[in-house]
């Protein structure tokens, strides 16, 4: 043991450098997989030579047999091992063939996963939630969930155990070292390939004879073709007439001819049509004209309208908005029933979109037009309050089944709109003025205050700075409430507008009934706003007095020195 006495000696340090240099040269690092050559075999151990190492590592022979290396246990055979320790505390090299195989197996799984490749394996045992699969090449164990064993339910999987087959890797957990695989994806993929070959037999325009009704749903009917593939006939491709559900026409097991109209090779789907095997009724659209009246049959009723047919296979929608002039929230089933023959006028024909628009209300005289003929804008009409809300009244006008809109702001020129609304009750008779008629929008606006003269017209001949006479109605801390003579409106003269001097701006100076003058400081007809001011009146009067009694030259070109001399002379004369 003398060699270990002084590890820091120059000789030992030099040896360490040489060893490290050699190991680095051969890229020998702990944690890496390297190839080793079998040099000696005993009953229990196998000796491995690895270039660059100072001693030969030893592996338990049972480890090699366990991982499937039984045939490779021969002198001169190369096997991969994991270099765990270059030198342990006993100075020995520690390697593992089993760990190397596991790591290489994981690398192989990662490569297959990244390249979306299948792997070979066999089911070894059942476990909770699935089965254990052994990787053929590396012996790595993987988990296959029960849902991923097959594409259809299986009563037993015993026939699948121990058989080498393909699996798809669906999940890899690098942290935990777990792999999850799927047999189902491989089975589905094989079936997809078979289905793709079948689809290659068809092309758009082919006629399929004797397709069997297999099932249906709300969106279409499924047919089985030659016991090989299922095809779909969409609900819209069943008939030119409107069909609510396939079970109205088909029974399970029936045979029908189909026409191939679409082939989706990516989704492996074939779309077929039955209606395209017969002439298109829309070709008869030239027999119909926009603006003409026709009889249509009600085939289906929805919340938003009725589906009607001009003739078998030629359908259109009668929208609820085209059913009545006066009913705003039309309930179609209250007006019509299935099988009714009703009059409609064609309003639009779009050949490209294969769309026909019809209207039932156009067959009836427009009550808004009739109303306008009798009561043009500016007319007065009698009505009855039918309903109200927080901002308006709705008035049923005269003998017409039409409501006029009366906004709260149009009830009174002077009173609060909300207070005015409260005065009116449902069923009350009322006379209003027609303000606006919008026939296209089916709206009529009426007013009540417009029946009387607008008190604001009193100011039409007035202007800003004009002086008017007002009567004091009341006073408080805010100011004076006044009313111009011969005017119905009242205005507040604020305390700040009572006088120029703040000491004189006292509302208490005035009493109710007193007649005073005030000036108009603001006049806005658009906003119906008027502001009165006594302060402005004083300012205008002062300005007028200054302009009237002062000299045009006063205060001009008068030197301060001259002014001082004259003031001094005046003082002296006063003393004498």
Protein backbone atom coordinates (compact mmCIF):
# COMPACT_ATOMS: atom_id res chain seq x y z
CA UNK A 1 0.00 0.00 0.00
CA UNK A 2 3.02 2.26 -0.20
CA UNK A 3 1.79 3.62 -3.49
CA UNK A 4 -1.16 5.38 -1.81
CA UNK A 5 0.92 7.13 0.83
CA UNK A 6 1.54 10.25 -1.13
CA UNK A 7 -1.06 10.81 -3.82
CA UNK A 8 0.01 14.44 -4.15
CA UNK A 9 3.59 13.61 -5.03
CA UNK A 10 4.90 14.95 -8.38
CA UNK A 11 5.11 11.38 -9.73
CA UNK A 12 1.49 10.61 -8.93
CA UNK A 13 0.29 13.93 -10.29
CA UNK A 14 2.12 13.26 -13.54
CA UNK A 15 0.56 9.79 -13.81
CA UNK A 16 -2.90 11.25 -13.19
CA UNK A 17 -2.36 13.77 -15.99
CA UNK A 18 -1.25 11.08 -18.39
CA UNK A 19 -4.24 8.88 -17.50
CA UNK A 20 -6.70 11.74 -17.86
CA UNK A 21 -5.15 12.66 -21.19
CA UNK A 22 -5.49 9.10 -22.44
CA UNK A 23 -9.09 8.79 -21.25
CA UNK A 24 -9.98 12.11 -22.86
CA UNK A 25 -8.34 11.03 -26.08
CA UNK A 26 -10.48 7.88 -26.21
CA UNK A 27 -13.59 9.77 -25.02
CA UNK A 28 -13.98 7.54 -22.02
CA UNK A 29 -16.46 9.23 -19.67
CA UNK A 30 -18.64 8.01 -16.84
CA UNK A 31 -22.28 7.70 -17.77
CA UNK A 32 -21.59 6.87 -21.43
CA UNK A 33 -22.23 3.65 -23.35
CA UNK A 34 -19.08 2.18 -24.86
CA UNK A 35 -18.18 -1.06 -26.61
CA UNK A 36 -16.15 -3.63 -24.73
CA UNK A 37 -14.50 -6.87 -25.95
CA UNK A 38 -14.90 -10.13 -24.04
CA UNK A 39 -11.42 -11.37 -23.12
CA UNK A 40 -12.17 -14.13 -20.59
CA UNK A 41 -15.18 -16.19 -19.48
CA UNK A 42 -15.57 -18.12 -16.23
CA UNK A 43 -18.50 -19.90 -14.67
CA UNK A 44 -19.67 -16.74 -12.92
CA UNK A 45 -17.99 -13.77 -14.63
CA UNK A 46 -17.15 -12.27 -17.96
CA UNK A 47 -14.03 -10.07 -18.31
CA UNK A 48 -14.26 -7.07 -20.61
CA UNK A 49 -11.47 -5.10 -22.23
CA UNK A 50 -12.13 -1.42 -22.85
CA UNK A 51 -9.41 0.57 -24.52
CA UNK A 52 -8.24 3.47 -22.39
CA UNK A 53 -9.00 1.91 -19.04
CA UNK A 54 -6.21 0.79 -16.68
CA UNK A 55 -8.03 -2.39 -15.66
CA UNK A 56 -10.59 -4.83 -17.08
CA UNK A 57 -14.13 -4.59 -15.69
CA UNK A 58 -16.05 -7.71 -14.74
CA UNK A 59 -19.73 -8.48 -15.43
CA UNK A 60 -21.85 -11.18 -13.84
CA UNK A 61 -22.56 -13.77 -16.52
CA UNK A 62 -26.21 -14.08 -15.38
CA UNK A 63 -26.74 -10.36 -16.19
CA UNK A 64 -25.81 -11.04 -19.81
CA UNK A 65 -28.04 -14.10 -20.01
CA UNK A 66 -30.97 -12.21 -18.51
CA UNK A 67 -30.87 -9.47 -21.15
CA UNK A 68 -30.67 -11.95 -24.04
CA UNK A 69 -26.92 -11.91 -24.65
CA UNK A 70 -26.50 -15.70 -24.13
CA UNK A 71 -25.35 -16.26 -27.70
CA UNK A 72 -22.93 -13.33 -27.51
CA UNK A 73 -21.01 -14.66 -24.50
CA UNK A 74 -17.93 -15.59 -26.57
CA UNK A 75 -14.32 -14.51 -26.30
CA UNK A 76 -13.69 -11.72 -28.80
CA UNK A 77 -17.37 -10.69 -28.98
CA UNK A 78 -18.11 -6.96 -28.61
CA UNK A 79 -20.95 -5.92 -26.31
CA UNK A 80 -22.18 -2.44 -25.29
CA UNK A 81 -21.85 -1.53 -21.61
CA UNK A 82 -22.58 1.54 -19.46
CA UNK A 83 -19.44 2.95 -17.79
CA UNK A 84 -20.72 3.73 -14.28
CA UNK A 85 -17.37 4.28 -12.49
CA UNK A 86 -13.88 4.60 -13.93
CA UNK A 87 -12.54 3.84 -10.51
CA UNK A 88 -14.43 3.03 -7.35
CA UNK A 89 -13.03 3.11 -3.80
CA UNK A 90 -11.42 -0.25 -4.43
CA UNK A 91 -9.82 0.98 -7.64
CA UNK A 92 -12.11 -1.17 -9.84
CA UNK A 93 -14.01 -0.23 -13.03
CA UNK A 94 -17.81 -0.59 -12.74
CA UNK A 95 -19.82 -1.30 -15.91
CA UNK A 96 -23.33 -2.61 -16.66
CA UNK A 97 -24.64 -4.31 -19.80
CA UNK A 98 -28.24 -4.35 -18.55
CA UNK A 99 -28.28 -0.59 -17.95
CA UNK A 100 -26.69 0.00 -21.34
CA UNK A 101 -29.39 -2.04 -22.99
CA UNK A 102 -32.10 -0.11 -21.11
CA UNK A 103 -30.63 3.26 -22.14
CA UNK A 104 -30.20 2.18 -25.76
CA UNK A 105 -33.75 0.88 -25.68
CA UNK A 106 -34.98 4.27 -24.49
CA UNK A 107 -32.99 6.02 -27.24
CA UNK A 108 -34.60 3.69 -29.76
CA UNK A 109 -38.07 4.51 -28.39
CA UNK A 110 -37.32 8.24 -28.53
CA UNK A 111 -36.15 7.96 -32.14
CA UNK A 112 -39.26 6.02 -33.15
CA UNK A 113 -41.50 8.48 -31.30
CA UNK A 114 -39.91 11.53 -32.92
CA UNK A 115 -40.07 9.95 -36.40
CA UNK A 116 -43.64 8.69 -35.83
CA UNK A 117 -42.53 5.11 -36.49
CA UNK A 118 -44.08 1.93 -35.13
CA UNK A 119 -42.09 -0.53 -33.01
CA UNK A 120 -42.17 -4.30 -32.59
CA UNK A 121 -43.19 -5.87 -29.33
CA UNK A 122 -45.29 -8.51 -27.65
CA UNK A 123 -47.83 -8.46 -24.85
CA UNK A 124 -46.34 -10.30 -21.87
CA UNK A 125 -48.79 -9.87 -19.01
CA UNK A 126 -52.01 -8.22 -17.99
CA UNK A 127 -52.02 -5.43 -15.42
CA UNK A 128 -54.39 -2.92 -13.88
CA UNK A 129 -55.78 -0.71 -16.63
CA UNK A 130 -54.06 -2.47 -19.51
CA UNK A 131 -51.15 -4.77 -20.46
CA UNK A 132 -47.34 -4.80 -20.35
CA UNK A 133 -45.57 -4.83 -23.71
CA UNK A 134 -41.91 -5.93 -24.16
CA UNK A 135 -39.88 -4.15 -26.84
CA UNK A 136 -38.52 -6.80 -29.18
CA UNK A 137 -35.17 -5.14 -29.97
CA UNK A 138 -34.17 -3.96 -26.49
CA UNK A 139 -36.41 -5.79 -24.03
CA UNK A 140 -37.71 -2.50 -22.63
CA UNK A 141 -41.09 -2.75 -20.93
CA UNK A 142 -43.94 -0.46 -21.96
CA UNK A 143 -47.54 0.10 -20.91
CA UNK A 144 -50.53 -0.25 -23.24
CA UNK A 145 -53.87 1.04 -21.83
CA UNK A 146 -56.92 -1.17 -22.21
CA UNK A 147 -58.58 1.40 -24.49
CA UNK A 148 -55.61 1.21 -26.86
CA UNK A 149 -55.53 -2.56 -27.34
CA UNK A 150 -58.14 -2.69 -30.12
CA UNK A 151 -60.44 -0.43 -32.13
CA UNK A 152 -63.46 -2.46 -30.97
CA UNK A 153 -64.43 -4.13 -27.67
CA UNK A 154 -62.82 -7.56 -27.09
CA UNK A 155 -64.20 -10.24 -24.78
CA UNK A 156 -60.69 -11.67 -24.28
CA UNK A 157 -57.12 -10.71 -25.21
CA UNK A 158 -55.57 -14.11 -24.55
CA UNK A 159 -55.06 -14.67 -28.26
CA UNK A 160 -52.89 -11.54 -28.40
CA UNK A 161 -50.45 -12.47 -25.58
CA UNK A 162 -46.96 -13.54 -26.64
CA UNK A 163 -47.48 -12.68 -30.31
CA UNK A 164 -45.01 -10.27 -31.89
CA UNK A 165 -46.89 -7.34 -33.39
CA UNK A 166 -46.65 -3.63 -34.14
CA UNK A 167 -47.32 -0.85 -31.65
CA UNK A 168 -47.43 2.95 -31.90
CA UNK A 169 -45.74 5.06 -29.21
CA UNK A 170 -48.28 7.59 -27.91
CA UNK A 171 -46.45 8.97 -24.85
CA UNK A 172 -42.94 9.15 -23.43
CA UNK A 173 -42.11 10.37 -19.92
CA UNK A 174 -38.36 11.12 -19.94
CA UNK A 175 -38.32 12.05 -16.26
CA UNK A 176 -39.88 8.81 -15.05
CA UNK A 177 -38.63 6.69 -17.94
CA UNK A 178 -42.10 5.42 -18.80
CA UNK A 179 -43.42 4.62 -22.27
CA UNK A 180 -47.06 4.28 -23.32
CA UNK A 181 -47.96 2.46 -26.56
CA UNK A 182 -51.06 1.73 -28.63
CA UNK A 183 -52.04 -1.30 -30.69
CA UNK A 184 -55.31 0.35 -31.62
CA UNK A 185 -53.61 3.01 -33.75
CA UNK A 186 -51.86 0.34 -35.81
CA UNK A 187 -55.11 -1.58 -36.33
CA UNK A 188 -56.97 1.60 -37.30
CA UNK A 189 -54.15 2.61 -39.63
CA UNK A 190 -54.29 -0.77 -41.40
CA UNK A 191 -58.03 -0.43 -41.80
CA UNK A 192 -57.51 3.10 -43.09
CA UNK A 193 -55.16 1.77 -45.74
CA UNK A 194 -57.72 -0.85 -46.73
CA UNK A 195 -60.44 1.82 -46.86
CA UNK A 196 -58.22 4.04 -49.00
CA UNK A 197 -57.85 1.22 -51.52
CA UNK A 198 -61.64 0.81 -51.67
CA UNK A 199 -62.19 4.56 -52.18
CA UNK A 200 -59.78 4.51 -55.11
CA UNK A 201 -62.41 2.47 -56.98
CA UNK A 202 -64.85 5.41 -57.06
CA UNK A 203 -64.90 8.75 -58.83
CA UNK A 204 -67.25 11.75 -58.77
CA UNK A 205 -70.28 11.13 -60.99
CA UNK A 206 -70.40 7.35 -60.49
CA UNK A 207 -73.81 5.77 -59.97
CA UNK A 208 -73.92 3.26 -57.11
CA UNK A 209 -76.72 0.74 -57.50
CA UNK A 210 -78.43 -1.09 -54.67
CA UNK A 211 -76.89 0.74 -51.70
CA UNK A 212 -78.48 -0.50 -48.46
CA UNK A 213 -79.87 1.88 -45.79
CA UNK A 214 -77.76 1.16 -42.71
CA UNK A 215 -78.77 4.00 -40.38
CA UNK A 216 -79.64 7.69 -40.15
CA UNK A 217 -79.24 10.75 -37.98
CA UNK A 218 -80.53 14.31 -37.91
CA UNK A 219 -78.00 15.39 -40.58
CA UNK A 220 -78.33 12.54 -43.10
CA UNK A 221 -78.64 8.88 -44.01
CA UNK A 222 -75.87 6.22 -44.08
CA UNK A 223 -75.74 3.57 -46.82
CA UNK A 224 -73.60 0.42 -47.02
CA UNK A 225 -71.99 -0.18 -50.43
CA UNK A 226 -70.98 -3.72 -51.45
CA UNK A 227 -70.42 -4.74 -47.80
CA UNK A 228 -67.16 -2.75 -48.00
CA UNK A 229 -67.72 0.86 -47.08
CA UNK A 230 -70.34 3.23 -45.64
CA UNK A 231 -71.30 6.42 -47.48
CA UNK A 232 -73.32 9.43 -46.36
CA UNK A 233 -76.23 11.13 -48.08
CA UNK A 234 -76.61 14.51 -46.42
CA UNK A 235 -80.10 15.68 -45.50
CA UNK A 236 -79.94 18.38 -48.19
CA UNK A 237 -79.06 15.79 -50.83
CA UNK A 238 -81.99 13.47 -50.16
CA UNK A 239 -84.67 15.44 -51.99
CA UNK A 240 -85.28 18.80 -53.66
CA UNK A 241 -88.27 19.08 -51.36
CA UNK A 242 -87.66 19.90 -47.73
CA UNK A 243 -86.97 16.84 -45.54
CA UNK A 244 -87.05 17.19 -41.76
CA UNK A 245 -85.52 13.78 -40.98
CA UNK A 246 -84.36 10.82 -43.10
CA UNK A 247 -86.76 8.45 -41.31
CA UNK A 248 -89.59 10.28 -43.10
CA UNK A 249 -88.42 8.69 -46.37
CA UNK A 250 -86.18 5.67 -45.66
CA UNK A 251 -86.44 2.37 -43.77
CA UNK A 252 -83.50 0.30 -42.55
CA UNK A 253 -82.53 -2.36 -45.10
CA UNK A 254 -84.02 -0.60 -48.14
CA UNK A 255 -81.98 -0.39 -51.35
CA UNK A 256 -81.50 2.85 -53.29
CA UNK A 257 -79.35 4.11 -56.12
CA UNK A 258 -76.85 6.85 -55.25
CA UNK A 259 -74.74 9.36 -57.17
CA UNK A 260 -71.19 10.07 -55.99
CA UNK A 261 -70.78 13.86 -55.61
CA UNK A 262 -67.71 14.19 -53.36
CA UNK A 263 -64.63 12.12 -52.47
CA UNK A 264 -62.42 13.16 -49.56
CA UNK A 265 -59.27 11.03 -49.65
CA UNK A 266 -57.83 12.66 -46.53
CA UNK A 267 -60.88 11.90 -44.39
CA UNK A 268 -61.65 8.73 -46.38
CA UNK A 269 -65.25 9.80 -46.94
CA UNK A 270 -67.57 9.53 -49.91
CA UNK A 271 -70.53 11.91 -50.22
CA UNK A 272 -73.51 10.85 -52.27
CA UNK A 273 -76.80 12.30 -53.48
CA UNK A 274 -80.19 10.88 -54.32
CA UNK A 275 -81.90 14.07 -55.51
CA UNK A 276 -79.27 14.63 -58.23
CA UNK A 277 -80.46 11.47 -59.95
CA UNK A 278 -83.61 13.39 -61.00
CA UNK A 279 -84.13 16.78 -62.75
CA UNK A 280 -83.68 19.94 -60.70
CA UNK A 281 -87.04 21.70 -60.11
CA UNK A 282 -85.16 25.02 -59.83
CA UNK A 283 -84.80 24.88 -63.58
CA UNK A 284 -88.50 25.83 -63.66
CA UNK A 285 -87.76 29.14 -61.91
CA UNK A 286 -88.12 30.95 -65.23
CA UNK A 287 -91.85 30.27 -64.92
CA UNK A 288 -92.00 32.66 -61.93
CA UNK A 289 -91.60 36.46 -61.91
CA UNK A 290 -90.63 38.96 -59.22
CA UNK A 291 -93.60 41.04 -58.06
CA UNK A 292 -96.21 38.45 -59.07
CA UNK A 293 -98.58 36.78 -56.61
CA UNK A 294 -98.58 32.96 -56.25
CA UNK A 295 -100.10 30.29 -54.04
CA UNK A 296 -97.56 28.54 -51.81
CA UNK A 297 -97.96 25.53 -49.54
CA UNK A 298 -96.76 25.63 -45.93
CA UNK A 299 -94.47 22.59 -45.40
CA UNK A 300 -92.80 23.42 -42.07
CA UNK A 301 -93.21 26.05 -39.35
CA UNK A 302 -90.36 27.37 -37.21
CA UNK A 303 -89.99 30.20 -34.69
CA UNK A 304 -88.59 32.47 -37.38
CA UNK A 305 -90.88 31.65 -40.31
CA UNK A 306 -92.50 29.08 -42.57
CA UNK A 307 -90.88 26.89 -45.22
CA UNK A 308 -93.14 26.85 -48.23
CA UNK A 309 -93.11 25.26 -51.69
CA UNK A 310 -94.13 26.88 -54.96
CA UNK A 311 -94.20 23.39 -56.47
CA UNK A 312 -92.80 20.00 -55.39
CA UNK A 313 -89.07 20.41 -54.84
CA UNK A 314 -89.09 24.20 -55.22
CA UNK A 315 -88.98 25.51 -51.65
CA UNK A 316 -88.52 28.92 -50.07
CA UNK A 317 -88.72 30.62 -46.67
CA UNK A 318 -91.48 33.00 -45.65
CA UNK A 319 -89.76 34.95 -42.90
CA UNK A 320 -91.78 36.14 -39.92
CA UNK A 321 -90.95 39.77 -40.80
CA UNK A 322 -92.84 39.30 -44.08
CA UNK A 323 -96.02 37.93 -42.55
CA UNK A 324 -97.70 41.04 -41.14
CA UNK A 325 -97.48 44.83 -41.41
CA UNK A 326 -98.58 45.54 -37.87
CA UNK A 327 -97.53 42.59 -35.65
CA UNK A 328 -93.96 43.21 -34.51
CA UNK A 329 -93.22 39.90 -32.74
CA UNK A 330 -94.98 37.47 -35.03
CA UNK A 331 -95.53 33.89 -33.88
CA UNK A 332 -95.80 31.96 -37.20
CA UNK A 333 -97.71 28.99 -35.76
CA UNK A 334 -100.46 31.37 -34.58
CA UNK A 335 -101.01 32.64 -38.13
CA UNK A 336 -100.53 29.50 -40.25
CA UNK A 337 -100.53 25.71 -40.02
CA UNK A 338 -98.82 22.98 -42.05
CA UNK A 339 -100.69 22.33 -45.29
CA UNK A 340 -102.11 25.86 -45.63
CA UNK A 341 -102.16 27.38 -49.10
CA UNK A 342 -101.47 31.10 -48.77
CA UNK A 343 -100.94 34.03 -51.13
CA UNK A 344 -97.40 35.38 -51.43
CA UNK A 345 -95.52 37.76 -53.70
CA UNK A 346 -92.03 36.87 -54.93
CA UNK A 347 -89.65 39.66 -53.91
CA UNK A 348 -86.31 38.15 -55.00
CA UNK A 349 -84.93 35.36 -57.20
CA UNK A 350 -81.22 34.58 -56.87
CA UNK A 351 -80.28 31.88 -59.38
CA UNK A 352 -76.66 31.63 -58.24
CA UNK A 353 -77.59 31.09 -54.58
CA UNK A 354 -80.71 29.13 -55.55
CA UNK A 355 -82.77 31.36 -53.28
CA UNK A 356 -86.32 32.68 -53.58
CA UNK A 357 -87.67 35.37 -51.23
CA UNK A 358 -91.42 35.76 -50.74
CA UNK A 359 -93.71 38.04 -48.75
CA UNK A 360 -97.24 37.51 -47.51
CA UNK A 361 -97.80 41.03 -46.16
CA UNK A 362 -97.30 42.52 -49.62
CA UNK A 363 -100.54 40.84 -50.70
CA UNK A 364 -102.26 43.05 -48.11
CA UNK A 365 -102.57 46.84 -48.35
CA UNK A 366 -99.84 48.60 -46.39
CA UNK A 367 -101.66 50.26 -43.45
CA UNK A 368 -98.81 52.75 -43.05
CA UNK A 369 -99.34 53.97 -46.60
CA UNK A 370 -103.11 54.14 -46.03
CA UNK A 371 -102.53 56.06 -42.81
CA UNK A 372 -100.23 58.56 -44.53
CA UNK A 373 -102.78 59.14 -47.26
CA UNK A 374 -105.36 60.04 -44.63
CA UNK A 375 -103.12 61.65 -42.02
CA UNK A 376 -99.98 63.19 -43.56
CA UNK A 377 -97.25 64.70 -41.37
CA UNK A 378 -98.63 67.71 -39.48
CA UNK A 379 -102.16 66.26 -39.20
CA UNK A 380 -104.07 65.74 -35.97
CA UNK A 381 -105.39 62.27 -35.19
CA UNK A 382 -107.33 60.63 -32.37
CA UNK A 383 -105.88 57.63 -30.60
CA UNK A 384 -105.97 55.38 -27.55
CA UNK A 385 -103.06 54.66 -25.22
CA UNK A 386 -102.26 50.97 -25.75
CA UNK A 387 -99.13 50.66 -23.59
CA UNK A 388 -96.28 52.64 -22.05
CA UNK A 389 -92.77 52.34 -20.64
CA UNK A 390 -90.39 54.53 -18.67
CA UNK A 391 -89.77 56.92 -21.56
CA UNK A 392 -92.73 56.80 -23.99
CA UNK A 393 -96.40 56.12 -24.73
CA UNK A 394 -97.69 53.92 -27.56
CA UNK A 395 -100.88 55.21 -29.14
CA UNK A 396 -103.23 53.10 -31.26
CA UNK A 397 -104.13 55.55 -34.01
CA UNK A 398 -107.74 56.04 -35.13
CA UNK A 399 -109.27 52.93 -36.72
CA UNK A 400 -105.88 51.64 -37.86
CA UNK A 401 -104.15 48.69 -36.22
CA UNK A 402 -101.02 50.83 -35.92
CA UNK A 403 -99.21 52.21 -32.89
CA UNK A 404 -97.76 55.69 -32.86
CA UNK A 405 -94.67 56.42 -30.75
CA UNK A 406 -95.05 59.34 -28.34
CA UNK A 407 -91.81 60.20 -26.53
CA UNK A 408 -91.99 61.74 -23.06
CA UNK A 409 -90.16 64.82 -24.32
CA UNK A 410 -93.07 65.48 -26.67
CA UNK A 411 -95.70 65.61 -23.90
CA UNK A 412 -95.11 69.13 -22.57
CA UNK A 413 -92.98 72.17 -23.29
CA UNK A 414 -92.63 73.18 -19.67
CA UNK A 415 -93.22 70.25 -17.31
CA UNK A 416 -90.88 67.40 -16.37
CA UNK A 417 -91.21 64.49 -18.90
CA UNK A 418 -91.22 61.79 -16.23
CA UNK A 419 -93.93 63.57 -14.27
CA UNK A 420 -96.00 64.01 -17.41
CA UNK A 421 -95.83 60.29 -18.24
CA UNK A 422 -97.41 59.43 -14.91
CA UNK A 423 -100.52 61.45 -15.79
CA UNK A 424 -101.58 59.09 -18.60
CA UNK A 425 -103.21 55.66 -18.25
CA UNK A 426 -103.70 52.70 -20.56
CA UNK A 427 -106.98 52.94 -22.53
CA UNK A 428 -107.15 56.73 -22.23
CA UNK A 429 -108.32 58.63 -25.31
CA UNK A 430 -105.88 61.21 -26.59
CA UNK A 431 -105.47 63.59 -29.54
CA UNK A 432 -101.96 63.85 -31.01
CA UNK A 433 -100.13 65.44 -33.90
CA UNK A 434 -98.37 63.34 -36.58
CA UNK A 435 -94.70 64.39 -36.52
CA UNK A 436 -92.97 61.76 -38.72
CA UNK A 437 -93.96 58.74 -40.86
CA UNK A 438 -91.39 56.07 -41.88
CA UNK A 439 -93.26 53.54 -44.01
CA UNK A 440 -90.17 51.44 -44.76
CA UNK A 441 -89.37 51.08 -41.06
CA UNK A 442 -93.05 50.86 -40.10
CA UNK A 443 -92.73 53.69 -37.59
CA UNK A 444 -94.92 56.69 -36.82
CA UNK A 445 -93.86 59.41 -34.35
CA UNK A 446 -96.52 61.61 -32.78
CA UNK A 447 -96.52 64.46 -30.27
CA UNK A 448 -98.90 66.10 -27.79
CA UNK A 449 -97.20 69.39 -26.95
CA UNK A 450 -97.07 70.26 -30.65
CA UNK A 451 -100.84 70.80 -30.57
CA UNK A 452 -100.28 74.04 -28.62
CA UNK A 453 -98.03 77.03 -29.20
CA UNK A 454 -94.44 76.71 -28.05
CA UNK A 455 -93.89 79.25 -25.21
CA UNK A 456 -90.27 79.44 -26.26
CA UNK A 457 -91.45 81.26 -29.39
CA UNK A 458 -91.73 84.35 -27.09
CA UNK A 459 -87.97 84.76 -27.54
CA UNK A 460 -87.95 84.52 -31.36
CA UNK A 461 -87.63 88.29 -31.77
CA UNK A 462 -85.23 88.69 -28.85
CA UNK A 463 -81.44 88.79 -28.85
CA UNK A 464 -78.51 88.63 -26.40
CA UNK A 465 -78.00 91.82 -24.26
CA UNK A 466 -81.61 92.85 -24.83
CA UNK A 467 -83.37 94.18 -21.73
CA UNK A 468 -86.75 92.69 -20.78
CA UNK A 469 -89.20 93.17 -17.91
CA UNK A 470 -89.86 90.19 -15.64
CA UNK A 471 -92.05 89.48 -12.61
CA UNK A 472 -90.47 88.02 -9.48
CA UNK A 473 -92.23 84.74 -8.72
CA UNK A 474 -90.21 83.67 -5.69
CA UNK A 475 -86.82 84.03 -4.01
CA UNK A 476 -84.48 81.74 -2.11
CA UNK A 477 -80.77 81.38 -1.36
CA UNK A 478 -80.07 80.28 -4.93
CA UNK A 479 -81.50 83.39 -6.52
CA UNK A 480 -84.69 84.75 -8.07
CA UNK A 481 -87.35 82.76 -9.94
CA UNK A 482 -88.78 85.16 -12.52
CA UNK A 483 -91.31 85.09 -15.35
CA UNK A 484 -91.14 87.40 -18.36
CA UNK A 485 -94.34 89.37 -18.95
CA UNK A 486 -96.78 87.62 -21.29
CA UNK A 487 -94.62 84.45 -21.23
CA UNK A 488 -95.48 81.03 -19.72
CA UNK A 489 -91.89 80.08 -18.92
CA UNK A 490 -90.07 80.69 -15.65
CA UNK A 491 -86.33 81.26 -15.28
CA UNK A 492 -83.86 81.35 -12.44
CA UNK A 493 -81.62 84.38 -12.04
CA UNK A 494 -78.74 82.96 -10.06
CA UNK A 495 -77.42 84.80 -7.01
CA UNK A 496 -74.14 85.49 -8.86
CA UNK A 497 -76.11 87.33 -11.57
CA UNK A 498 -78.11 89.64 -9.27
CA UNK A 499 -75.58 92.52 -8.87
CA UNK A 500 -72.05 93.63 -9.76
CA UNK A 501 -71.13 94.21 -6.14
CA UNK A 502 -71.14 90.98 -4.15
CA UNK A 503 -72.66 92.79 -1.16
CA UNK A 504 -75.70 93.74 -3.26
CA UNK A 505 -76.19 90.20 -4.66
CA UNK A 506 -78.85 89.38 -2.12
CA UNK A 507 -82.07 87.67 -3.24
CA UNK A 508 -83.77 89.10 -0.13
CA UNK A 509 -83.64 92.57 -1.75
CA UNK A 510 -86.55 91.45 -3.92
CA UNK A 511 -90.10 90.31 -3.11
CA UNK A 512 -92.61 88.18 -4.99
CA UNK A 513 -94.76 90.13 -7.49
CA UNK A 514 -92.11 92.81 -7.98
CA UNK A 515 -91.47 93.98 -11.56
CA UNK A 516 -87.81 94.33 -12.46
CA UNK A 517 -85.63 94.60 -15.54
CA UNK A 518 -83.05 92.03 -16.59
CA UNK A 519 -80.78 91.47 -19.58
CA UNK A 520 -80.59 88.34 -21.74
CA UNK A 521 -77.04 86.94 -21.32
CA UNK A 522 -77.59 83.66 -23.23
CA UNK A 523 -80.12 82.60 -25.89
CA UNK A 524 -79.85 79.16 -27.53
CA UNK A 525 -82.87 78.04 -29.59
CA UNK A 526 -81.43 74.61 -30.40
CA UNK A 527 -80.96 73.76 -26.73
CA UNK A 528 -84.01 75.78 -25.69
CA UNK A 529 -81.89 77.61 -23.13
CA UNK A 530 -82.25 81.19 -21.85
CA UNK A 531 -80.12 82.88 -19.15
CA UNK A 532 -81.21 86.20 -17.54
CA UNK A 533 -78.94 88.53 -15.56
CA UNK A 534 -79.46 91.74 -13.50
CA UNK A 535 -75.69 92.03 -13.17
CA UNK A 536 -75.37 92.22 -16.97
CA UNK A 537 -78.04 94.92 -17.02
CA UNK A 538 -75.98 97.05 -14.59
CA UNK A 539 -72.84 96.49 -16.67
CA UNK A 540 -74.64 97.55 -19.83
CA UNK A 541 -76.05 100.65 -18.08
CA UNK A 542 -72.63 101.64 -16.68
CA UNK A 543 -71.05 101.22 -20.08
CA UNK A 544 -73.75 103.38 -21.65
CA UNK A 545 -73.27 106.12 -19.00
CA UNK A 546 -69.51 106.19 -19.47
CA UNK A 547 -69.91 106.35 -23.23
CA UNK A 548 -72.54 109.14 -22.97
CA UNK A 549 -70.96 111.51 -20.42
CA UNK A 550 -67.19 111.16 -20.76
CA UNK A 551 -64.98 113.15 -23.23
CA UNK A 552 -63.38 111.28 -26.11
CA UNK A 553 -60.02 112.78 -25.04
CA UNK A 554 -60.30 112.00 -21.32
CA UNK A 555 -57.35 110.15 -20.00
CA UNK A 556 -55.44 110.47 -23.26
CA UNK A 557 -51.96 112.15 -23.61
CA UNK A 558 -52.06 113.50 -20.03
CA UNK A 559 -48.55 113.33 -18.47
CA UNK A 560 -48.37 112.35 -14.82
CA UNK A 561 -46.06 115.33 -14.10
CA UNK A 562 -48.59 117.79 -15.50
CA UNK A 563 -51.36 116.18 -13.50
CA UNK A 564 -49.31 116.45 -10.31
CA UNK A 565 -48.57 120.13 -10.89
CA UNK A 566 -52.21 120.98 -11.41
CA UNK A 567 -53.21 119.04 -8.32
CA UNK A 568 -50.52 120.93 -6.33
CA UNK A 569 -51.77 124.29 -7.61
CA UNK A 570 -55.30 123.35 -6.64
CA UNK A 571 -54.18 122.49 -3.08
CA UNK A 572 -52.36 125.78 -2.71
CA UNK A 573 -55.38 127.77 -3.83
CA UNK A 574 -57.52 125.91 -1.36
CA UNK A 575 -55.13 126.88 1.47
CA UNK A 576 -55.27 130.57 0.54
